Protein backbone atom coordinates (compact mmCIF):
# COMPACT_ATOMS: atom_id res chain seq x y z
CA MET A 1 22.00 -22.10 36.54
CA ASN A 2 19.00 -20.59 34.76
CA ILE A 3 20.73 -18.59 32.02
CA PRO A 4 17.64 -16.88 30.50
CA ARG A 5 16.42 -15.80 33.92
CA LEU A 6 19.84 -14.41 34.87
CA ALA A 7 20.14 -12.61 31.52
CA LEU A 8 16.74 -10.98 32.06
CA ALA A 9 17.77 -9.92 35.54
CA TYR A 10 20.91 -8.22 34.18
CA LEU A 11 18.87 -6.43 31.50
CA ALA A 12 16.30 -5.32 34.06
CA ALA A 13 19.12 -3.83 36.15
CA ARG A 14 19.83 -1.40 33.26
CA PRO A 15 16.29 -0.40 32.22
CA LEU A 16 17.17 2.82 30.40
CA ALA A 17 19.92 1.30 28.24
CA THR A 18 17.81 -1.79 27.58
CA ALA A 19 14.77 0.24 26.53
CA LEU A 20 16.87 2.54 24.31
CA ASN A 21 18.50 -0.36 22.46
CA VAL A 22 15.18 -2.10 21.90
CA LEU A 23 13.48 1.14 20.80
CA LEU A 24 16.20 2.08 18.29
CA LEU A 25 16.01 -1.32 16.66
CA ALA A 26 12.19 -1.34 16.74
CA ILE A 27 11.87 2.09 15.08
CA GLY A 28 14.23 1.12 12.26
CA LEU A 29 12.56 -2.24 11.69
CA GLY A 30 9.08 -0.73 12.01
CA THR A 31 9.88 1.86 9.35
CA MET A 32 11.06 -0.86 6.98
CA VAL A 33 7.93 -2.94 7.63
CA LEU A 34 5.69 0.08 7.01
CA LEU A 35 7.43 0.73 3.69
CA LEU A 36 7.12 -2.91 2.67
CA LEU A 37 3.40 -2.99 3.48
CA PHE A 38 2.67 0.32 1.75
CA THR A 39 4.63 -0.35 -1.45
CA ALA A 40 3.44 -3.97 -1.75
CA GLN A 41 -0.22 -3.03 -1.36
CA ALA A 42 0.10 -0.01 -3.64
CA GLU A 43 1.78 -2.06 -6.37
CA GLU A 44 -0.80 -4.81 -6.00
CA ARG A 45 -3.67 -2.33 -6.23
CA PHE A 46 -2.25 -0.48 -9.23
CA ALA A 47 -1.51 -3.73 -11.05
CA ARG A 48 -4.96 -5.20 -10.31
CA ASP A 49 -6.87 -2.07 -11.29
CA ALA A 50 -4.82 -1.18 -14.37
CA LYS A 51 -4.25 -4.67 -15.81
CA PRO A 52 -7.62 -4.99 -17.64
CA VAL A 53 -6.97 -1.79 -19.64
CA ASP A 54 -4.26 -1.63 -22.32
CA LEU A 55 -4.68 2.00 -23.39
CA VAL A 56 -6.62 5.07 -22.28
CA VAL A 57 -7.61 7.78 -24.74
CA GLY A 58 -8.54 11.15 -23.24
CA ALA A 59 -7.93 14.88 -23.33
CA LYS A 60 -4.44 16.31 -23.73
CA GLY A 61 -2.55 16.85 -20.52
CA SER A 62 -0.61 14.70 -18.08
CA PRO A 63 -0.64 11.01 -19.10
CA LEU A 64 -0.29 10.00 -15.44
CA GLN A 65 -3.25 12.19 -14.47
CA LEU A 66 -5.31 10.59 -17.24
CA ILE A 67 -4.58 7.10 -15.87
CA LEU A 68 -5.16 8.14 -12.26
CA SER A 69 -8.54 9.66 -13.11
CA ALA A 70 -9.96 7.29 -15.73
CA VAL A 71 -8.60 3.94 -14.49
CA LEU A 72 -7.61 4.25 -10.83
CA HIS A 73 -10.19 6.96 -10.03
CA ALA A 74 -7.75 8.77 -7.76
CA ASP A 75 -7.42 12.16 -9.48
CA VAL A 76 -9.41 14.74 -11.41
CA PRO A 77 -9.73 14.25 -15.19
CA THR A 78 -7.65 16.11 -17.74
CA GLY A 79 -10.91 17.18 -19.43
CA ASN A 80 -13.56 15.78 -21.75
CA ILE A 81 -13.32 14.59 -25.36
CA PRO A 82 -15.89 14.37 -28.18
CA TYR A 83 -17.59 10.99 -28.01
CA ASP A 84 -17.70 10.68 -31.81
CA GLU A 85 -13.93 11.12 -32.09
CA ALA A 86 -13.35 8.57 -29.33
CA LYS A 87 -15.62 6.09 -31.14
CA ARG A 88 -13.62 6.50 -34.35
CA ILE A 89 -10.50 5.42 -32.49
CA ALA A 90 -12.43 2.55 -30.90
CA ALA A 91 -13.39 1.35 -34.41
CA ASN A 92 -9.71 0.81 -35.29
CA PRO A 93 -9.10 -2.85 -36.30
CA MET A 94 -6.34 -3.07 -33.65
CA VAL A 95 -8.88 -2.49 -30.85
CA ALA A 96 -10.64 -5.53 -29.43
CA GLN A 97 -12.80 -3.72 -26.87
CA ALA A 98 -13.58 -0.08 -26.10
CA VAL A 99 -15.42 1.12 -22.99
CA PRO A 100 -16.31 4.83 -22.50
CA VAL A 101 -16.28 6.47 -19.08
CA SER A 102 -17.70 9.83 -18.13
CA LEU A 103 -16.88 11.45 -14.77
CA GLY A 104 -17.97 14.54 -12.93
CA ASP A 105 -19.99 13.64 -9.83
CA SER A 106 -19.72 11.57 -6.68
CA PHE A 107 -21.80 10.16 -3.84
CA ARG A 108 -20.38 10.27 -0.30
CA GLY A 109 -16.88 10.32 -1.75
CA TYR A 110 -17.50 7.44 -4.19
CA ARG A 111 -17.28 8.32 -7.87
CA ILE A 112 -20.28 8.13 -10.15
CA VAL A 113 -19.09 6.72 -13.47
CA GLY A 114 -21.13 6.98 -16.62
CA THR A 115 -20.31 3.96 -18.78
CA GLU A 116 -21.70 0.89 -20.55
CA PRO A 117 -22.46 -2.60 -19.20
CA SER A 118 -19.26 -3.82 -20.88
CA TYR A 119 -17.31 -2.02 -18.12
CA LEU A 120 -18.13 -4.94 -15.81
CA ALA A 121 -16.35 -7.37 -18.12
CA LEU A 122 -13.06 -5.53 -17.64
CA TYR A 123 -12.99 -6.65 -14.00
CA ASP A 124 -15.01 -9.87 -14.32
CA ALA A 125 -17.65 -8.27 -12.10
CA LYS A 126 -20.97 -10.02 -11.52
CA LEU A 127 -24.24 -8.87 -10.03
CA GLU A 128 -24.81 -10.00 -6.46
CA SER A 129 -28.37 -8.70 -6.34
CA GLY A 130 -30.79 -6.76 -8.51
CA ALA A 131 -30.28 -6.11 -12.21
CA MET A 132 -28.00 -4.23 -14.59
CA PHE A 133 -28.85 -0.62 -15.41
CA GLU A 134 -31.03 -0.16 -18.50
CA HIS A 135 -32.50 3.34 -18.20
CA ASP A 136 -31.22 6.83 -17.49
CA MET A 137 -30.59 7.50 -13.77
CA ASP A 138 -30.37 3.79 -12.95
CA VAL A 139 -27.23 2.87 -11.01
CA VAL A 140 -25.38 -0.28 -10.01
CA LEU A 141 -23.32 -0.02 -6.84
CA GLY A 142 -19.92 -1.53 -6.26
CA SER A 143 -19.79 -3.88 -3.27
CA GLU A 144 -17.90 -1.46 -1.02
CA VAL A 145 -20.24 1.42 -1.87
CA ALA A 146 -23.27 -0.68 -0.98
CA ARG A 147 -21.66 -1.92 2.24
CA LYS A 148 -20.51 1.51 3.43
CA THR A 149 -23.67 3.43 2.48
CA GLY A 150 -26.22 0.75 3.33
CA LEU A 151 -28.05 1.23 0.02
CA ALA A 152 -29.69 -1.66 -1.84
CA ALA A 153 -31.83 -2.17 -4.93
CA GLY A 154 -34.81 0.21 -4.88
CA ALA A 155 -33.10 2.99 -2.91
CA GLN A 156 -32.73 6.51 -4.28
CA PHE A 157 -30.05 9.14 -3.74
CA VAL A 158 -28.66 12.31 -5.31
CA GLY A 159 -25.08 12.84 -6.39
CA THR A 160 -22.94 15.87 -5.68
CA HIS A 161 -20.97 17.90 -8.19
CA GLY A 162 -17.27 17.14 -8.22
CA LEU A 163 -15.26 14.04 -7.42
CA SER A 164 -15.10 14.46 -3.65
CA SER A 165 -17.71 14.92 -0.95
CA GLY A 166 -18.97 18.41 -0.22
CA GLY A 167 -20.03 19.50 -3.69
CA GLU A 168 -23.40 20.92 -4.72
CA ALA A 169 -26.14 18.28 -4.69
CA HIS A 170 -28.09 17.60 -7.90
CA GLU A 171 -31.45 17.48 -6.12
CA SER A 172 -33.46 17.54 -9.35
CA HIS A 173 -31.78 14.42 -10.72
CA PRO A 174 -32.07 11.54 -8.21
CA PHE A 175 -30.51 8.19 -9.02
CA LYS A 176 -32.24 4.86 -8.44
CA VAL A 177 -30.29 1.79 -7.33
CA VAL A 178 -31.18 -1.23 -9.47
CA GLY A 179 -28.34 -3.60 -8.58
CA VAL A 180 -25.32 -4.35 -6.42
CA LEU A 181 -22.12 -6.01 -7.63
CA ALA A 182 -20.36 -8.91 -5.94
CA PRO A 183 -16.94 -8.08 -4.44
CA THR A 184 -14.00 -8.28 -6.87
CA GLY A 185 -11.14 -6.74 -4.86
CA SER A 186 -10.66 -4.15 -7.63
CA VAL A 187 -11.50 -0.50 -8.24
CA ILE A 188 -15.03 -1.34 -9.43
CA ASP A 189 -15.97 -2.17 -5.82
CA ARG A 190 -15.62 1.54 -5.02
CA LEU A 191 -17.65 2.93 -7.93
CA VAL A 192 -21.25 3.87 -8.71
CA LEU A 193 -22.02 2.85 -12.32
CA THR A 194 -24.71 4.42 -14.46
CA PRO A 195 -25.41 4.87 -18.20
CA LEU A 196 -23.55 7.64 -20.03
CA GLU A 197 -26.88 9.35 -20.65
CA SER A 198 -27.35 9.83 -16.88
CA VAL A 199 -24.21 11.96 -16.64
CA TRP A 200 -25.25 13.99 -19.68
CA ASP A 201 -28.75 14.53 -18.25
CA VAL A 202 -27.49 15.62 -14.83
CA HIS A 203 -25.18 18.22 -16.34
CA GLY A 204 -27.51 19.28 -19.14
CA SER A 205 -24.82 18.56 -21.73
CA LYS A 206 -25.67 19.66 -25.26
CA ALA A 207 -22.34 18.43 -26.66
CA THR A 208 -21.92 14.67 -26.41
CA GLU A 209 -18.66 14.16 -24.60
CA VAL A 210 -16.98 11.54 -22.42
CA THR A 211 -14.00 11.72 -20.11
CA ALA A 212 -12.02 8.85 -21.63
CA MET A 213 -12.18 5.68 -23.67
CA LEU A 214 -10.67 2.51 -22.18
CA LEU A 215 -9.22 0.22 -24.85
CA ARG A 216 -8.04 -3.38 -25.01
CA TYR A 217 -5.73 -4.43 -27.83
CA ARG A 218 -6.59 -7.09 -30.36
CA THR A 219 -2.93 -7.97 -30.97
CA PRO A 220 0.38 -7.18 -29.21
CA LEU A 221 1.40 -5.19 -32.30
CA ALA A 222 -1.18 -2.55 -31.38
CA ALA A 223 0.89 -1.52 -28.34
CA ALA A 224 3.69 -0.36 -30.64
CA THR A 225 1.58 1.56 -33.14
CA LEU A 226 -1.78 2.69 -31.78
CA PRO A 227 -0.59 5.07 -28.99
CA ARG A 228 1.77 6.85 -31.39
CA GLN A 229 -0.96 7.04 -34.02
CA VAL A 230 -3.45 8.62 -31.58
CA ASN A 231 -0.95 11.13 -30.19
CA ALA A 232 0.35 12.15 -33.62
CA THR A 233 -2.79 12.29 -35.73
CA THR A 234 -5.58 13.37 -33.38
CA SER A 235 -6.29 16.09 -30.84
CA LEU A 236 -6.53 13.41 -28.15
CA GLN A 237 -3.98 11.77 -25.89
CA ALA A 238 -3.21 8.08 -25.49
CA ALA A 239 -1.62 6.78 -22.27
CA SER A 240 -0.59 3.30 -21.19
CA PRO A 241 -1.75 2.27 -17.68
CA ALA A 242 1.11 -0.23 -17.31
CA PHE A 243 3.75 2.38 -18.16
CA GLU A 244 2.25 5.20 -16.11
CA THR A 245 1.65 3.09 -13.00
CA ALA A 246 5.26 1.89 -13.19
CA ARG A 247 6.36 5.52 -13.44
CA LEU A 248 4.18 6.39 -10.47
CA MET A 249 5.79 3.65 -8.37
CA ASN A 250 9.21 4.98 -9.36
CA LEU A 251 8.19 8.43 -8.13
CA VAL A 252 6.92 6.94 -4.89
CA GLY A 253 10.14 4.94 -4.65
CA VAL A 254 12.24 8.12 -4.37
CA GLY A 255 10.62 9.02 -1.07
CA ALA A 256 10.57 5.38 0.01
CA ASP A 257 14.33 5.13 -0.59
CA ALA A 258 14.94 8.08 1.73
CA LEU A 259 12.86 6.48 4.47
CA ARG A 260 14.55 3.14 3.84
CA LEU A 261 17.94 4.78 4.30
CA PHE A 262 16.70 6.33 7.55
CA ALA A 263 15.56 2.90 8.74
CA ILE A 264 18.91 1.32 7.89
CA VAL A 265 20.74 4.07 9.80
CA MET A 266 18.46 3.51 12.78
CA MET A 267 19.09 -0.24 12.78
CA ALA A 268 22.84 0.26 12.36
CA SER A 269 22.78 2.70 15.28
CA ALA A 270 20.87 0.14 17.32
CA ALA A 271 23.45 -2.54 16.51
CA ALA A 272 26.33 -0.24 17.50
CA SER A 273 24.55 0.81 20.68
CA MET A 274 23.79 -2.80 21.54
CA PHE A 275 27.42 -3.80 21.00
CA ALA A 276 28.63 -0.94 23.19
CA ALA A 277 26.09 -1.80 25.89
CA LEU A 278 27.10 -5.46 25.96
CA MET A 279 30.79 -4.62 26.10
CA ALA A 280 30.15 -2.12 28.91
CA ALA A 281 28.08 -4.70 30.76
CA LEU A 282 30.89 -7.21 30.32
CA ASN A 283 33.38 -4.84 31.96
CA GLU A 284 30.97 -3.84 34.73
CA ARG A 285 30.24 -7.47 35.62
CA ARG A 286 33.75 -8.88 35.29
CA TYR A 287 33.86 -9.74 38.98
CA ASP A 288 30.39 -11.34 38.83
CA LEU A 289 31.50 -13.44 35.87
CA ALA A 290 34.73 -14.39 37.66
CA LEU A 291 32.78 -15.50 40.72
CA LEU A 292 30.48 -17.56 38.53
CA ARG A 293 33.55 -19.29 37.10
CA MET A 294 34.92 -19.90 40.60
CA LEU A 295 31.57 -21.39 41.60
CA GLY A 296 31.82 -23.92 38.77
CA ALA A 297 30.34 -22.20 35.74
CA ARG A 298 32.09 -23.24 32.54
CA PRO A 299 33.32 -20.74 29.90
CA ALA A 300 30.51 -21.91 27.62
CA THR A 301 28.00 -20.84 30.29
CA LEU A 302 29.35 -17.29 30.34
CA PHE A 303 29.31 -17.24 26.55
CA ALA A 304 25.67 -18.34 26.60
CA LEU A 305 24.82 -15.72 29.26
CA LEU A 306 26.15 -12.77 27.20
CA ALA A 307 24.70 -14.20 23.99
CA CYS A 308 21.32 -14.62 25.68
CA GLU A 309 21.33 -10.96 26.74
CA GLY A 310 22.04 -9.79 23.20
CA VAL A 311 19.55 -12.15 21.58
CA THR A 312 16.88 -11.05 24.05
CA LEU A 313 17.44 -7.43 23.04
CA VAL A 314 17.26 -8.31 19.34
CA VAL A 315 14.15 -10.47 19.66
CA ALA A 316 12.40 -7.81 21.74
CA GLY A 317 13.31 -5.18 19.15
CA VAL A 318 12.03 -7.37 16.31
CA ILE A 319 8.71 -8.07 18.04
CA LEU A 320 8.20 -4.41 18.92
CA GLY A 321 9.31 -3.34 15.42
CA LEU A 322 6.78 -5.65 13.74
CA ALA A 323 4.06 -4.34 16.04
CA LEU A 324 5.04 -0.72 15.33
CA GLY A 325 5.21 -1.29 11.56
CA HIS A 326 1.85 -3.03 11.28
CA GLY A 327 0.26 -0.63 13.76
CA ALA A 328 1.54 2.38 11.80
CA ALA A 329 0.24 0.87 8.55
CA GLN A 330 -3.19 0.38 10.11
CA ALA A 331 -3.23 3.94 11.46
CA LEU A 332 -2.06 5.31 8.10
CA GLY A 333 -4.78 3.33 6.35
CA ARG A 334 -7.48 4.80 8.56
CA TRP A 335 -6.15 8.30 8.00
CA ILE A 336 -6.07 7.85 4.20
CA ALA A 337 -9.57 6.35 4.25
CA ARG A 338 -10.97 9.66 5.53
CA SER A 339 -10.34 11.30 2.16
CA ASN A 340 -9.83 8.34 -0.16
CA SER A 341 -11.81 5.19 -0.83
CA TRP A 342 -8.60 3.15 -0.80
CA SER A 343 -6.19 2.65 2.05
CA VAL A 344 -3.46 0.35 3.31
CA THR A 345 -4.00 -2.18 6.05
CA GLY A 346 -1.71 -3.36 8.81
CA LEU A 347 -3.46 -6.72 8.95
CA ALA A 348 -1.62 -7.95 5.85
CA TRP A 349 1.69 -9.80 5.72
CA VAL A 350 4.21 -9.67 2.87
CA PRO A 351 6.89 -12.36 2.33
CA GLN A 352 9.69 -9.77 2.37
CA GLU A 353 9.01 -9.24 6.07
CA LEU A 354 10.28 -12.74 6.85
CA TRP A 355 13.56 -12.08 5.06
CA LEU A 356 13.89 -8.73 6.82
CA VAL A 357 13.40 -10.36 10.21
CA LEU A 358 15.92 -13.10 9.41
CA VAL A 359 18.51 -10.50 8.33
CA VAL A 360 17.98 -8.45 11.48
CA LEU A 361 18.22 -11.54 13.69
CA ALA A 362 21.41 -12.65 11.94
CA ALA A 363 22.96 -9.18 12.22
CA GLY A 364 21.97 -9.04 15.89
CA ALA A 365 23.53 -12.42 16.54
CA VAL A 366 26.80 -11.26 14.97
CA THR A 367 26.70 -8.09 17.10
CA CYS A 368 26.38 -10.21 20.25
CA LEU A 369 29.15 -12.59 19.23
CA LEU A 370 32.24 -10.57 20.18
CA PRO A 371 31.13 -9.70 23.74
CA ALA A 372 30.13 -13.34 24.26
CA ILE A 373 33.53 -14.54 23.03
CA GLN A 374 35.24 -12.05 25.33
CA ALA A 375 33.29 -13.46 28.27
CA TYR A 376 34.26 -16.98 27.20
CA ARG A 377 37.98 -16.14 27.16
CA ARG A 378 38.20 -14.19 30.43
CA ASP A 379 40.51 -15.76 33.00
CA PRO A 380 38.79 -15.60 36.43
CA ALA A 381 42.05 -15.66 38.36
CA ILE A 382 43.33 -12.52 36.60
CA LEU A 383 40.00 -10.75 37.09
CA LEU A 384 39.95 -11.49 40.82
CA LYS A 385 43.56 -10.25 41.21
CA ARG A 386 42.50 -6.90 39.73
């Protein structure tokens, strides 16, 4: 007797119930996979982009907004600060490195960042071609910017006002590409770097200001004293990238928890529906099972038949759920990429997915166990009498 083939035939005889059970399980598992992919990639990105910077000094306002704008380049700045005052903080003996950044313009959705060559050292970035900027209106492109725009050393372009595409073009102040950076996998890949003076020239700034100062501590003790000192004794604000990104992930986690609960309910519903379907199938086919016993099938064969049906449903749900989760992540990534230079990808795999699949398979096996045991214990003589 070909047990898998017979199990598939029984499932095919109930296409609506079979499809519903598989779909319920797949939607729940797919939602969990999507959450795992999104949160894992978001945490990895935040950690990678924020790790090189210990403290950000900028204008008063939301500390999270300051980190999102000056480090992650995913929000508008809280404002500008006097460059001289920022340099006084940078001269503190507790500061090992200070890198200014000045924002305000973009090119095809990629941010133009006025800074110093030392910005590259924060992300261990190296030139892939060309040279580092030396003069006003020179720019060095991140690897993604160069790849997506097709620009190379020697090309010229004009930026647009604002930090998203669609702003007013600064036609009278064209930039010249002098170099392209090698890929780093960090935020610098998505930036256009230029000297601070370029940003001041484009906007005709009379007051010398920057958006923020990125600091690295000289000693661990600085983390306990410098932020409080800046916030208490100056008109500026100090924010910790590590703390604020952790807070951001906690905020994201609130919504993720709600979706995770929805996914668990969906998978529990699928398990209950699968159990009910197998028990109903057992009662509907009691005479078929009795005849199989009379024809020589052993109790273990009937057990294997019912177990094979349940396992087939679970495995199909797992495969479809993984496909749905990764497909949804890929679609979400493409949608985000329309308005943001960063997105998620469904082509990645996170270790937690393996544990999730194992848990679902184990729970599915337990769900199938009782109907299979019932089939094992059925007395064919009693069934045929009925």
